[in-house]
C-alpha atoms as a PDB file:
ATOM      1  CA  MET A   1     -31.728  12.462   4.298  1.00  0.00           C
ATOM      2  CA  ALA A   2     -31.739   9.877   1.525  1.00  0.00           C
ATOM      3  CA  GLY A   3     -33.094  12.514  -0.857  1.00  0.00           C
ATOM      4  CA  ASP A   4     -30.162  14.810  -0.103  1.00  0.00           C
ATOM      5  CA  ILE A   5     -27.688  11.996  -0.770  1.00  0.00           C
ATOM      6  CA  LEU A   6     -29.390  11.069  -4.049  1.00  0.00           C
ATOM      7  CA  TYR A   7     -29.434  14.736  -5.077  1.00  0.00           C
ATOM      8  CA  PHE A   8     -25.719  15.066  -4.305  1.00  0.00           C
ATOM      9  CA  LEU A   9     -24.894  11.888  -6.249  1.00  0.00           C
ATOM     10  CA  HIS A  10     -26.967  13.113  -9.189  1.00  0.00           C
ATOM     11  CA  ARG A  11     -25.370  16.573  -9.157  1.00  0.00           C
ATOM     12  CA  HIS A  12     -21.815  15.253  -8.853  1.00  0.00           C
ATOM     13  CA  PHE A  13     -22.276  11.981 -10.713  1.00  0.00           C
ATOM     14  CA  ARG A  14     -19.048  12.251 -12.699  1.00  0.00           C
ATOM     15  CA  ALA A  15     -16.881  13.042  -9.677  1.00  0.00           C
ATOM     16  CA  VAL A  16     -18.549  10.325  -7.588  1.00  0.00           C
ATOM     17  CA  PHE A  17     -18.164   7.837 -10.440  1.00  0.00           C
ATOM     18  CA  LEU A  18     -14.472   8.670 -10.922  1.00  0.00           C
ATOM     19  CA  ILE A  19     -13.767   8.397  -7.197  1.00  0.00           C
ATOM     20  CA  GLY A  20     -15.697   5.133  -6.962  1.00  0.00           C
ATOM     21  CA  ALA A  21     -13.922   3.695 -10.001  1.00  0.00           C
ATOM     22  CA  THR A  22     -10.509   4.697  -8.641  1.00  0.00           C
ATOM     23  CA  VAL A  23     -11.198   3.172  -5.226  1.00  0.00           C
ATOM     24  CA  GLY A  24     -12.633   0.051  -6.861  1.00  0.00           C
ATOM     25  CA  VAL A  25      -9.610  -0.432  -9.100  1.00  0.00           C
ATOM     26  CA  MET A  26      -7.236   0.103  -6.175  1.00  0.00           C
ATOM     27  CA  THR A  27      -9.163  -2.405  -4.048  1.00  0.00           C
ATOM     28  CA  LEU A  28      -9.197  -4.948  -6.883  1.00  0.00           C
ATOM     29  CA  GLY A  29      -5.478  -4.426  -7.430  1.00  0.00           C
ATOM     30  CA  LEU A  30      -4.711  -5.025  -3.762  1.00  0.00           C
ATOM     31  CA  MET A  31      -6.905  -8.139  -3.729  1.00  0.00           C
ATOM     32  CA  VAL A  32      -5.297  -9.561  -6.882  1.00  0.00           C
ATOM     33  CA  ARG A  33      -1.845  -8.732  -5.543  1.00  0.00           C
ATOM     34  CA  GLY A  34      -2.617 -10.482  -2.266  1.00  0.00           C
ATOM     35  CA  VAL A  35      -4.029 -13.564  -4.004  1.00  0.00           C
ATOM     36  CA  LEU A  36      -1.078 -13.759  -6.400  1.00  0.00           C
ATOM     37  CA  GLY A  37       1.320 -13.336  -3.473  1.00  0.00           C
ATOM     38  CA  LEU A  38      -0.362 -16.217  -1.666  1.00  0.00           C
ATOM     39  CA  LEU A  39      -0.325 -18.412  -4.774  1.00  0.00           C
ATOM     40  CA  PHE A  40       3.332 -17.677  -5.521  1.00  0.00           C
ATOM     41  CA  SER A  41       4.403 -18.173  -1.903  1.00  0.00           C
ATOM     42  CA  VAL A  42       2.592 -21.531  -1.829  1.00  0.00           C
ATOM     43  CA  SER A  43       3.859 -22.697  -5.228  1.00  0.00           C
ATOM     44  CA  THR A  44       7.478 -21.776  -4.412  1.00  0.00           C
ATOM     45  CA  GLY A  45       7.371 -23.170  -0.882  1.00  0.00           C
ATOM     46  CA  GLY A  46       7.260 -19.715   0.715  1.00  0.00           C
ATOM     47  CA  GLY A  47      10.643 -18.639  -0.678  1.00  0.00           C
ATOM     48  CA  ALA A  48       9.387 -15.702  -2.771  1.00  0.00           C
ATOM     49  CA  GLY A  49       8.379 -12.380  -1.301  1.00  0.00           C
END
């Protein structure tokens, strides 16, 4: 089972890497956006948003 997964990852490394990078960037963007939203809402007394 693990061997099949490793073989697939090795065979399609570029596609897996691109998909992983895209998902990672999107997740980071959402996290940063959420943190910034919290910071701005706190610093402005909850008026922004």
